[in-house]
Amino acid sequence: MPRNRSKPKMKLKTHRGAKKRFKVTATGKILRMHSGKRHLLGTKKPGRMRKLKKLTLVSPADRLNVKLLLPYA
């Protein structure tokens, strides 16, 4: 049955976990946090901790999957 104006498409839902974990920049790039900052912090060097503090880009292999979770981002 073809769709027409009386029956519009349903809206897509944003994955709530992905919304909290990823940020989309104005140019469309997807940012994420580094892992490894939850426990055993005393054994990690300060320089390593500074690098883990910053955001990084999502891998190109994972970019499509994240975009599907964030349809309106």
C-alpha atoms as a PDB file:
ATOM      1  CA  MET A   1       0.000   0.000   0.000  1.00  0.00           C
ATOM      2  CA  PRO A   2       1.668   3.276  -1.066  1.00  0.00           C
ATOM      3  CA  ARG A   3       1.934   6.124   1.385  1.00  0.00           C
ATOM      4  CA  ASN A   4       0.186   9.394   0.710  1.00  0.00           C
ATOM      5  CA  ARG A   5      -0.339  12.694   2.471  1.00  0.00           C
ATOM      6  CA  SER A   6      -3.063  11.335   4.723  1.00  0.00           C
ATOM      7  CA  LYS A   7      -0.625   8.798   6.229  1.00  0.00           C
ATOM      8  CA  PRO A   8       2.817  10.367   6.764  1.00  0.00           C
ATOM      9  CA  LYS A   9       5.945   8.412   7.682  1.00  0.00           C
ATOM     10  CA  MET A  10       6.563   7.693  11.331  1.00  0.00           C
ATOM     11  CA  LYS A  11       9.231   9.671  13.142  1.00  0.00           C
ATOM     12  CA  LEU A  12      12.473   7.874  13.997  1.00  0.00           C
ATOM     13  CA  LYS A  13      13.510   7.544  17.625  1.00  0.00           C
ATOM     14  CA  THR A  14      16.944   8.615  18.838  1.00  0.00           C
ATOM     15  CA  HIS A  15      18.879   5.962  20.754  1.00  0.00           C
ATOM     16  CA  ARG A  16      19.042   7.480  24.242  1.00  0.00           C
ATOM     17  CA  GLY A  17      22.323   5.796  25.177  1.00  0.00           C
ATOM     18  CA  ALA A  18      23.981   7.052  22.004  1.00  0.00           C
ATOM     19  CA  LYS A  19      22.676  10.564  22.621  1.00  0.00           C
ATOM     20  CA  LYS A  20      24.509  10.628  25.962  1.00  0.00           C
ATOM     21  CA  ARG A  21      27.765   9.191  24.591  1.00  0.00           C
ATOM     22  CA  PHE A  22      28.281  11.015  21.290  1.00  0.00           C
ATOM     23  CA  LYS A  23      28.328  14.636  20.175  1.00  0.00           C
ATOM     24  CA  VAL A  24      27.887  15.791  16.572  1.00  0.00           C
ATOM     25  CA  THR A  25      29.801  18.887  15.494  1.00  0.00           C
ATOM     26  CA  ALA A  26      28.470  21.589  13.182  1.00  0.00           C
ATOM     27  CA  THR A  27      30.396  20.062  10.257  1.00  0.00           C
ATOM     28  CA  GLY A  28      28.903  16.597  10.893  1.00  0.00           C
ATOM     29  CA  LYS A  29      31.819  14.911  12.631  1.00  0.00           C
ATOM     30  CA  ILE A  30      31.010  12.615  15.567  1.00  0.00           C
ATOM     31  CA  LEU A  31      32.980  12.960  18.802  1.00  0.00           C
ATOM     32  CA  ARG A  32      33.326  10.486  21.667  1.00  0.00           C
ATOM     33  CA  MET A  33      35.107  10.243  25.008  1.00  0.00           C
ATOM     34  CA  HIS A  34      38.212   8.124  25.568  1.00  0.00           C
ATOM     35  CA  SER A  35      37.924   4.947  27.601  1.00  0.00           C
ATOM     36  CA  GLY A  36      40.109   4.036  30.568  1.00  0.00           C
ATOM     37  CA  LYS A  37      39.282   6.795  33.056  1.00  0.00           C
ATOM     38  CA  ARG A  38      37.085   4.925  35.552  1.00  0.00           C
ATOM     39  CA  HIS A  39      39.450   3.005  37.840  1.00  0.00           C
ATOM     40  CA  LEU A  40      43.138   2.145  38.389  1.00  0.00           C
ATOM     41  CA  LEU A  41      43.971   5.811  37.834  1.00  0.00           C
ATOM     42  CA  GLY A  42      47.001   5.841  40.143  1.00  0.00           C
ATOM     43  CA  THR A  43      49.086   3.751  37.745  1.00  0.00           C
ATOM     44  CA  LYS A  44      48.489   6.010  34.752  1.00  0.00           C
ATOM     45  CA  LYS A  45      50.903   8.806  33.943  1.00  0.00           C
ATOM     46  CA  PRO A  46      49.694  12.430  34.021  1.00  0.00           C
ATOM     47  CA  GLY A  47      50.375  12.926  30.319  1.00  0.00           C
ATOM     48  CA  ARG A  48      48.264   9.903  29.494  1.00  0.00           C
ATOM     49  CA  MET A  49      45.467  11.206  31.707  1.00  0.00           C
ATOM     50  CA  ARG A  50      45.534  14.591  29.936  1.00  0.00           C
ATOM     51  CA  LYS A  51      45.160  12.846  26.577  1.00  0.00           C
ATOM     52  CA  LEU A  52      42.290  10.706  27.862  1.00  0.00           C
ATOM     53  CA  LYS A  53      40.504  13.858  29.057  1.00  0.00           C
ATOM     54  CA  LYS A  54      39.976  15.185  25.519  1.00  0.00           C
ATOM     55  CA  LEU A  55      37.337  14.178  22.990  1.00  0.00           C
ATOM     56  CA  THR A  56      38.287  12.195  19.902  1.00  0.00           C
ATOM     57  CA  LEU A  57      36.638  11.349  16.588  1.00  0.00           C
ATOM     58  CA  VAL A  58      34.670   8.159  16.094  1.00  0.00           C
ATOM     59  CA  SER A  59      36.385   5.611  13.858  1.00  0.00           C
ATOM     60  CA  PRO A  60      35.282   5.621  10.190  1.00  0.00           C
ATOM     61  CA  ALA A  61      34.283   1.966  10.564  1.00  0.00           C
ATOM     62  CA  ASP A  62      31.812   2.876  13.354  1.00  0.00           C
ATOM     63  CA  ARG A  63      30.574   6.183  11.951  1.00  0.00           C
ATOM     64  CA  LEU A  64      27.653   4.722   9.973  1.00  0.00           C
ATOM     65  CA  ASN A  65      26.350   2.732  12.956  1.00  0.00           C
ATOM     66  CA  VAL A  66      26.422   5.814  15.187  1.00  0.00           C
ATOM     67  CA  LYS A  67      24.633   7.909  12.555  1.00  0.00           C
ATOM     68  CA  LEU A  68      21.855   5.329  12.442  1.00  0.00           C
ATOM     69  CA  LEU A  69      21.423   5.665  16.217  1.00  0.00           C
ATOM     70  CA  LEU A  70      21.266   9.485  15.933  1.00  0.00           C
ATOM     71  CA  PRO A  71      18.902  10.081  12.983  1.00  0.00           C
ATOM     72  CA  TYR A  72      18.345  13.812  13.559  1.00  0.00           C
ATOM     73  CA  ALA A  73      21.855  14.798  14.649  1.00  0.00           C
END
